[in-house]
PDB file of N, CA and C in Angstrom:
ATOM      1  N   UNK A   1       0.671  -1.243   0.344  1.00  0.00           N
ATOM      2  CA  UNK A   1      -0.200   0.261   0.039  1.00  0.00           C
ATOM      3  C   UNK A   1       1.375   1.183  -0.065  1.00  0.00           C
ATOM      4  N   UNK A   2       0.656   2.576  -0.350  1.00  0.00           N
ATOM      5  CA  UNK A   2       1.133   3.319  -0.698  1.00  0.00           C
ATOM      6  C   UNK A   2       0.498   4.548   0.053  1.00  0.00           C
ATOM      7  N   UNK A   3       0.880   5.743   0.221  1.00  0.00           N
ATOM      8  CA  UNK A   3       0.227   6.699   1.210  1.00  0.00           C
ATOM      9  C   UNK A   3       0.702   8.175   0.218  1.00  0.00           C
ATOM     10  N   UNK A   4       0.151   8.807   0.571  1.00  0.00           N
ATOM     11  CA  UNK A   4       0.931   9.871   0.158  1.00  0.00           C
ATOM     12  C   UNK A   4       1.283  11.096   1.303  1.00  0.00           C
ATOM     13  N   UNK A   5       1.928  11.389   1.340  1.00  0.00           N
ATOM     14  CA  UNK A   5       2.526  12.768   2.738  1.00  0.00           C
ATOM     15  C   UNK A   5       1.753  14.102   2.927  1.00  0.00           C
ATOM     16  N   UNK A   6       0.637  14.462   3.323  1.00  0.00           N
ATOM     17  CA  UNK A   6       0.387  15.598   3.685  1.00  0.00           C
ATOM     18  C   UNK A   6       0.918  16.705   4.011  1.00  0.00           C
ATOM     19  N   UNK A   7       0.915  18.156   3.924  1.00  0.00           N
ATOM     20  CA  UNK A   7       1.754  18.709   4.713  1.00  0.00           C
ATOM     21  C   UNK A   7       1.536  18.766   6.468  1.00  0.00           C
ATOM     22  N   UNK A   8       2.638  18.805   6.568  1.00  0.00           N
ATOM     23  CA  UNK A   8       3.033  19.339   8.202  1.00  0.00           C
ATOM     24  C   UNK A   8       2.700  17.874   8.721  1.00  0.00           C
ATOM     25  N   UNK A   9       2.672  16.881   8.056  1.00  0.00           N
ATOM     26  CA  UNK A   9       2.402  15.008   8.718  1.00  0.00           C
ATOM     27  C   UNK A   9       3.560  14.979   9.112  1.00  0.00           C
ATOM     28  N   UNK A  10       3.692  14.525  10.458  1.00  0.00           N
ATOM     29  CA  UNK A  10       4.653  13.648  11.228  1.00  0.00           C
ATOM     30  C   UNK A  10       4.456  12.356  10.653  1.00  0.00           C
ATOM     31  N   UNK A  11       6.203  11.694  11.313  1.00  0.00           N
ATOM     32  CA  UNK A  11       6.297   9.885  11.115  1.00  0.00           C
ATOM     33  C   UNK A  11       5.268   9.540  12.408  1.00  0.00           C
ATOM     34  N   UNK A  12       4.391  10.092  13.325  1.00  0.00           N
ATOM     35  CA  UNK A  12       4.280   8.946  14.160  1.00  0.00           C
ATOM     36  C   UNK A  12       2.599   9.293  13.438  1.00  0.00           C
ATOM     37  N   UNK A  13       2.160  10.378  12.786  1.00  0.00           N
ATOM     38  CA  UNK A  13       0.652  10.665  12.590  1.00  0.00           C
ATOM     39  C   UNK A  13       0.353   9.909  11.340  1.00  0.00           C
ATOM     40  N   UNK A  14       1.409   9.819  10.510  1.00  0.00           N
ATOM     41  CA  UNK A  14       1.380   8.707   9.561  1.00  0.00           C
ATOM     42  C   UNK A  14       1.563   7.288   9.759  1.00  0.00           C
ATOM     43  N   UNK A  15       2.035   6.883  10.473  1.00  0.00           N
ATOM     44  CA  UNK A  15       1.765   5.792  11.552  1.00  0.00           C
ATOM     45  C   UNK A  15       0.658   5.474  11.660  1.00  0.00           C
ATOM     46  N   UNK A  16       0.078   6.378  12.430  1.00  0.00           N
ATOM     47  CA  UNK A  16      -1.191   6.074  13.144  1.00  0.00           C
ATOM     48  C   UNK A  16      -2.205   5.955  11.821  1.00  0.00           C
ATOM     49  N   UNK A  17      -2.098   6.812  10.651  1.00  0.00           N
ATOM     50  CA  UNK A  17      -3.198   6.563   9.502  1.00  0.00           C
ATOM     51  C   UNK A  17      -2.895   5.386   9.330  1.00  0.00           C
ATOM     52  N   UNK A  18      -2.125   4.793   8.462  1.00  0.00           N
ATOM     53  CA  UNK A  18      -1.313   3.475   7.884  1.00  0.00           C
ATOM     54  C   UNK A  18      -1.586   2.772   8.752  1.00  0.00           C
ATOM     55  N   UNK A  19      -1.954   2.546  10.446  1.00  0.00           N
ATOM     56  CA  UNK A  19      -1.531   0.767  10.589  1.00  0.00           C
ATOM     57  C   UNK A  19      -2.774   1.136  11.606  1.00  0.00           C
ATOM     58  N   UNK A  20      -2.825   2.546  12.140  1.00  0.00           N
ATOM     59  CA  UNK A  20      -4.099   2.399  13.046  1.00  0.00           C
ATOM     60  C   UNK A  20      -3.871   2.781  14.353  1.00  0.00           C
ATOM     61  N   UNK A  21      -2.528   2.204  14.686  1.00  0.00           N
ATOM     62  CA  UNK A  21      -1.366   2.901  16.199  1.00  0.00           C
ATOM     63  C   UNK A  21      -0.069   2.956  15.646  1.00  0.00           C
ATOM     64  N   UNK A  22       0.350   3.715  17.104  1.00  0.00           N
ATOM     65  CA  UNK A  22       1.892   3.933  16.456  1.00  0.00           C
ATOM     66  C   UNK A  22       2.528   3.394  17.498  1.00  0.00           C
ATOM     67  N   UNK A  23       3.341   2.405  17.139  1.00  0.00           N
ATOM     68  CA  UNK A  23       4.411   1.805  17.611  1.00  0.00           C
ATOM     69  C   UNK A  23       6.435   2.083  17.298  1.00  0.00           C
ATOM     70  N   UNK A  24       6.958   1.666  18.182  1.00  0.00           N
ATOM     71  CA  UNK A  24       8.370   2.212  17.350  1.00  0.00           C
ATOM     72  C   UNK A  24       8.727   1.346  16.357  1.00  0.00           C
ATOM     73  N   UNK A  25       8.071  -0.461  16.279  1.00  0.00           N
ATOM     74  CA  UNK A  25       8.523  -0.845  15.157  1.00  0.00           C
ATOM     75  C   UNK A  25       7.973  -0.253  14.118  1.00  0.00           C
ATOM     76  N   UNK A  26       7.146   0.064  14.050  1.00  0.00           N
ATOM     77  CA  UNK A  26       6.195   0.313  12.658  1.00  0.00           C
ATOM     78  C   UNK A  26       6.650   1.594  12.529  1.00  0.00           C
ATOM     79  N   UNK A  27       7.148   2.194  13.087  1.00  0.00           N
ATOM     80  CA  UNK A  27       7.892   3.423  12.685  1.00  0.00           C
ATOM     81  C   UNK A  27       8.764   3.469  12.055  1.00  0.00           C
ATOM     82  N   UNK A  28       9.908   2.512  12.844  1.00  0.00           N
ATOM     83  CA  UNK A  28      11.653   1.811  12.209  1.00  0.00           C
ATOM     84  C   UNK A  28      10.789   1.456  10.912  1.00  0.00           C
ATOM     85  N   UNK A  29       9.889   0.846  11.082  1.00  0.00           N
ATOM     86  CA  UNK A  29       9.630   0.133   8.988  1.00  0.00           C
ATOM     87  C   UNK A  29       9.143   1.018   7.704  1.00  0.00           C
ATOM     88  N   UNK A  30       8.478   2.069   8.764  1.00  0.00           N
ATOM     89  CA  UNK A  30       8.018   2.958   7.746  1.00  0.00           C
ATOM     90  C   UNK A  30       8.985   4.064   7.277  1.00  0.00           C
ATOM     91  N   UNK A  31       9.846   3.920   8.268  1.00  0.00           N
ATOM     92  CA  UNK A  31      11.069   4.855   7.751  1.00  0.00           C
ATOM     93  C   UNK A  31      12.195   4.556   6.800  1.00  0.00           C
ATOM     94  N   UNK A  32      12.482   2.796   7.286  1.00  0.00           N
ATOM     95  CA  UNK A  32      13.435   2.378   6.896  1.00  0.00           C
ATOM     96  C   UNK A  32      12.917   1.924   4.976  1.00  0.00           C
ATOM     97  N   UNK A  33      11.284   2.108   4.074  1.00  0.00           N
ATOM     98  CA  UNK A  33      10.986   1.486   3.334  1.00  0.00           C
ATOM     99  C   UNK A  33      11.116   3.253   2.923  1.00  0.00           C
ATOM    100  N   UNK A  34      11.466   3.598   3.075  1.00  0.00           N
ATOM    101  CA  UNK A  34      10.999   4.973   2.539  1.00  0.00           C
ATOM    102  C   UNK A  34      12.679   6.055   2.619  1.00  0.00           C
ATOM    103  N   UNK A  35      13.607   5.548   2.599  1.00  0.00           N
ATOM    104  CA  UNK A  35      14.632   6.635   3.206  1.00  0.00           C
ATOM    105  C   UNK A  35      14.564   7.516   2.788  1.00  0.00           C
ATOM    106  N   UNK A  36      14.987   7.992   1.100  1.00  0.00           N
ATOM    107  CA  UNK A  36      14.551   9.268   0.516  1.00  0.00           C
ATOM    108  C   UNK A  36      13.495   9.978   1.897  1.00  0.00           C
ATOM    109  N   UNK A  37      12.508   9.454   1.600  1.00  0.00           N
ATOM    110  CA  UNK A  37      11.116  10.546   2.374  1.00  0.00           C
ATOM    111  C   UNK A  37      12.178  10.294   4.305  1.00  0.00           C
ATOM    112  N   UNK A  38      12.704   9.603   4.252  1.00  0.00           N
ATOM    113  CA  UNK A  38      13.100   9.850   5.638  1.00  0.00           C
ATOM    114  C   UNK A  38      14.417  10.895   5.764  1.00  0.00           C
ATOM    115  N   UNK A  39      15.386  10.817   4.298  1.00  0.00           N
ATOM    116  CA  UNK A  39      16.583  11.802   4.570  1.00  0.00           C
ATOM    117  C   UNK A  39      16.022  13.262   4.226  1.00  0.00           C
ATOM    118  N   UNK A  40      14.578  13.685   3.427  1.00  0.00           N
ATOM    119  CA  UNK A  40      14.594  14.868   3.071  1.00  0.00           C
ATOM    120  C   UNK A  40      13.580  15.555   4.484  1.00  0.00           C
ATOM    121  N   UNK A  41      13.144  14.541   5.730  1.00  0.00           N
ATOM    122  CA  UNK A  41      12.469  15.441   6.873  1.00  0.00           C
ATOM    123  C   UNK A  41      12.701  16.202   7.101  1.00  0.00           C
ATOM    124  N   UNK A  42      12.374  17.230   7.635  1.00  0.00           N
ATOM    125  CA  UNK A  42      12.629  18.176   8.880  1.00  0.00           C
ATOM    126  C   UNK A  42      12.142  17.289  10.365  1.00  0.00           C
ATOM    127  N   UNK A  43      13.399  17.325  10.501  1.00  0.00           N
ATOM    128  CA  UNK A  43      13.511  17.203  12.196  1.00  0.00           C
ATOM    129  C   UNK A  43      12.469  15.249  12.101  1.00  0.00           C
ATOM    130  N   UNK A  44      11.189  15.378  12.571  1.00  0.00           N
ATOM    131  CA  UNK A  44      10.381  14.783  12.474  1.00  0.00           C
ATOM    132  C   UNK A  44       8.944  14.857  11.195  1.00  0.00           C
ATOM    133  N   UNK A  45       8.726  15.787  10.721  1.00  0.00           N
ATOM    134  CA  UNK A  45       8.253  16.082   9.752  1.00  0.00           C
ATOM    135  C   UNK A  45       8.739  15.547   8.570  1.00  0.00           C
ATOM    136  N   UNK A  46       7.292  15.002   8.084  1.00  0.00           N
ATOM    137  CA  UNK A  46       7.479  14.276   6.050  1.00  0.00           C
ATOM    138  C   UNK A  46       7.561  15.899   5.276  1.00  0.00           C
ATOM    139  N   UNK A  47       8.691  15.361   4.576  1.00  0.00           N
ATOM    140  CA  UNK A  47       8.015  16.314   3.435  1.00  0.00           C
ATOM    141  C   UNK A  47       6.747  16.634   1.904  1.00  0.00           C
ATOM    142  N   UNK A  48       6.086  17.301   2.288  1.00  0.00           N
ATOM    143  CA  UNK A  48       4.579  17.181   1.699  1.00  0.00           C
ATOM    144  C   UNK A  48       5.244  16.511   0.477  1.00  0.00           C
ATOM    145  N   UNK A  49       3.991  15.428   0.073  1.00  0.00           N
ATOM    146  CA  UNK A  49       3.362  15.322  -1.361  1.00  0.00           C
ATOM    147  C   UNK A  49       4.186  13.972  -1.628  1.00  0.00           C
ATOM    148  N   UNK A  50       5.303  13.024  -0.912  1.00  0.00           N
ATOM    149  CA  UNK A  50       6.259  12.160  -1.149  1.00  0.00           C
ATOM    150  C   UNK A  50       5.109  10.755  -0.821  1.00  0.00           C
ATOM    151  N   UNK A  51       5.533   9.772  -1.772  1.00  0.00           N
ATOM    152  CA  UNK A  51       4.413   8.807  -1.467  1.00  0.00           C
ATOM    153  C   UNK A  51       5.454   7.951  -1.119  1.00  0.00           C
ATOM    154  N   UNK A  52       4.365   7.617   0.223  1.00  0.00           N
ATOM    155  CA  UNK A  52       4.853   6.764   1.247  1.00  0.00           C
ATOM    156  C   UNK A  52       4.710   5.093   1.073  1.00  0.00           C
ATOM    157  N   UNK A  53       5.651   4.395   0.782  1.00  0.00           N
ATOM    158  CA  UNK A  53       5.549   2.948   0.595  1.00  0.00           C
ATOM    159  C   UNK A  53       4.898   2.605   2.446  1.00  0.00           C
ATOM    160  N   UNK A  54       4.008   1.786   2.957  1.00  0.00           N
ATOM    161  CA  UNK A  54       3.634   1.043   3.547  1.00  0.00           C
ATOM    162  C   UNK A  54       3.487  -0.657   3.684  1.00  0.00           C
ATOM    163  N   UNK A  55       4.600  -1.082   4.630  1.00  0.00           N
ATOM    164  CA  UNK A  55       5.518  -1.932   4.279  1.00  0.00           C
ATOM    165  C   UNK A  55       4.391  -3.133   5.603  1.00  0.00           C
ATOM    166  N   UNK A  56       3.629  -4.086   4.664  1.00  0.00           N
ATOM    167  CA  UNK A  56       2.962  -5.366   6.334  1.00  0.00           C
ATOM    168  C   UNK A  56       4.120  -5.607   7.108  1.00  0.00           C
ATOM    169  N   UNK A  57       3.191  -5.275   8.508  1.00  0.00           N
ATOM    170  CA  UNK A  57       3.741  -5.534   9.877  1.00  0.00           C
ATOM    171  C   UNK A  57       3.908  -6.861  10.317  1.00  0.00           C
ATOM    172  N   UNK A  58       5.025  -7.455  10.959  1.00  0.00           N
ATOM    173  CA  UNK A  58       4.630  -8.402  11.679  1.00  0.00           C
ATOM    174  C   UNK A  58       3.593  -8.547  13.229  1.00  0.00           C
ATOM    175  N   UNK A  59       2.579  -9.115  13.319  1.00  0.00           N
ATOM    176  CA  UNK A  59       1.566  -9.678  14.197  1.00  0.00           C
ATOM    177  C   UNK A  59       2.310  -8.722  16.040  1.00  0.00           C
ATOM    178  N   UNK A  60       3.687  -8.955  15.821  1.00  0.00           N
ATOM    179  CA  UNK A  60       4.173  -9.528  17.694  1.00  0.00           C
ATOM    180  C   UNK A  60       4.395  -7.123  17.562  1.00  0.00           C
ATOM    181  N   UNK A  61       4.670  -6.745  16.367  1.00  0.00           N
ATOM    182  CA  UNK A  61       4.819  -5.007  16.597  1.00  0.00           C
ATOM    183  C   UNK A  61       3.948  -4.522  16.965  1.00  0.00           C
ATOM    184  N   UNK A  62       2.699  -4.957  17.865  1.00  0.00           N
ATOM    185  CA  UNK A  62       1.297  -3.627  17.959  1.00  0.00           C
ATOM    186  C   UNK A  62       1.796  -2.861  19.408  1.00  0.00           C
ATOM    187  N   UNK A  63       3.040  -3.248  20.089  1.00  0.00           N
ATOM    188  CA  UNK A  63       2.995  -2.559  20.887  1.00  0.00           C
ATOM    189  C   UNK A  63       2.888  -0.914  20.754  1.00  0.00           C
ATOM    190  N   UNK A  64       1.937  -0.210  22.028  1.00  0.00           N
ATOM    191  CA  UNK A  64       2.084   1.394  21.603  1.00  0.00           C
ATOM    192  C   UNK A  64       3.147   1.836  22.261  1.00  0.00           C
ATOM    193  N   UNK A  65       3.527   3.427  21.511  1.00  0.00           N
ATOM    194  CA  UNK A  65       4.331   3.705  21.784  1.00  0.00           C
ATOM    195  C   UNK A  65       3.796   5.616  22.065  1.00  0.00           C
ATOM    196  N   UNK A  66       3.851   5.745  23.598  1.00  0.00           N
ATOM    197  CA  UNK A  66       3.510   6.715  24.310  1.00  0.00           C
ATOM    198  C   UNK A  66       4.114   7.839  23.422  1.00  0.00           C
ATOM    199  N   UNK A  67       3.563   8.897  22.618  1.00  0.00           N
ATOM    200  CA  UNK A  67       4.493   9.781  22.365  1.00  0.00           C
ATOM    201  C   UNK A  67       3.899  11.302  23.407  1.00  0.00           C
ATOM    202  N   UNK A  68       5.211  11.763  24.008  1.00  0.00           N
ATOM    203  CA  UNK A  68       4.800  12.902  24.575  1.00  0.00           C
ATOM    204  C   UNK A  68       4.415  14.315  23.606  1.00  0.00           C
ATOM    205  N   UNK A  69       4.227  15.532  23.768  1.00  0.00           N
ATOM    206  CA  UNK A  69       3.842  16.643  23.292  1.00  0.00           C
ATOM    207  C   UNK A  69       4.183  17.658  23.973  1.00  0.00           C
ATOM    208  N   UNK A  70       5.350  18.214  23.462  1.00  0.00           N
ATOM    209  CA  UNK A  70       6.262  19.141  23.613  1.00  0.00           C
ATOM    210  C   UNK A  70       5.465  20.392  24.466  1.00  0.00           C
ATOM    211  N   UNK A  71       5.930  21.052  25.143  1.00  0.00           N
ATOM    212  CA  UNK A  71       5.452  22.017  26.420  1.00  0.00           C
ATOM    213  C   UNK A  71       4.484  23.024  25.543  1.00  0.00           C
ATOM    214  N   UNK A  72       5.130  23.664  24.153  1.00  0.00           N
ATOM    215  CA  UNK A  72       4.984  24.482  23.749  1.00  0.00           C
ATOM    216  C   UNK A  72       3.313  24.049  22.410  1.00  0.00           C
ATOM    217  N   UNK A  73       3.310  22.453  22.493  1.00  0.00           N
ATOM    218  CA  UNK A  73       2.632  22.689  21.580  1.00  0.00           C
ATOM    219  C   UNK A  73       1.133  22.069  22.490  1.00  0.00           C
ATOM    220  N   UNK A  74       1.305  22.202  23.745  1.00  0.00           N
ATOM    221  CA  UNK A  74       0.279  22.465  24.793  1.00  0.00           C
ATOM    222  C   UNK A  74      -0.256  23.296  24.701  1.00  0.00           C
TER     223      UNK A  74
END
């Protein structure tokens, strides 16, 4: 499956959109499958309009990662 990155989208929100959950293994799989987008990212924000390949995850990668919100985003 492929998705197109939206303006201002972060890797964790793309992971949520792609898999319905966010986990470290899912984030790692997305970034590994999309090296050019990972290199073009500004911090954790994806470049707009990149076609992102969404790899299939093994069953064991369903542990959820709690993402903290930076103080200025609260």
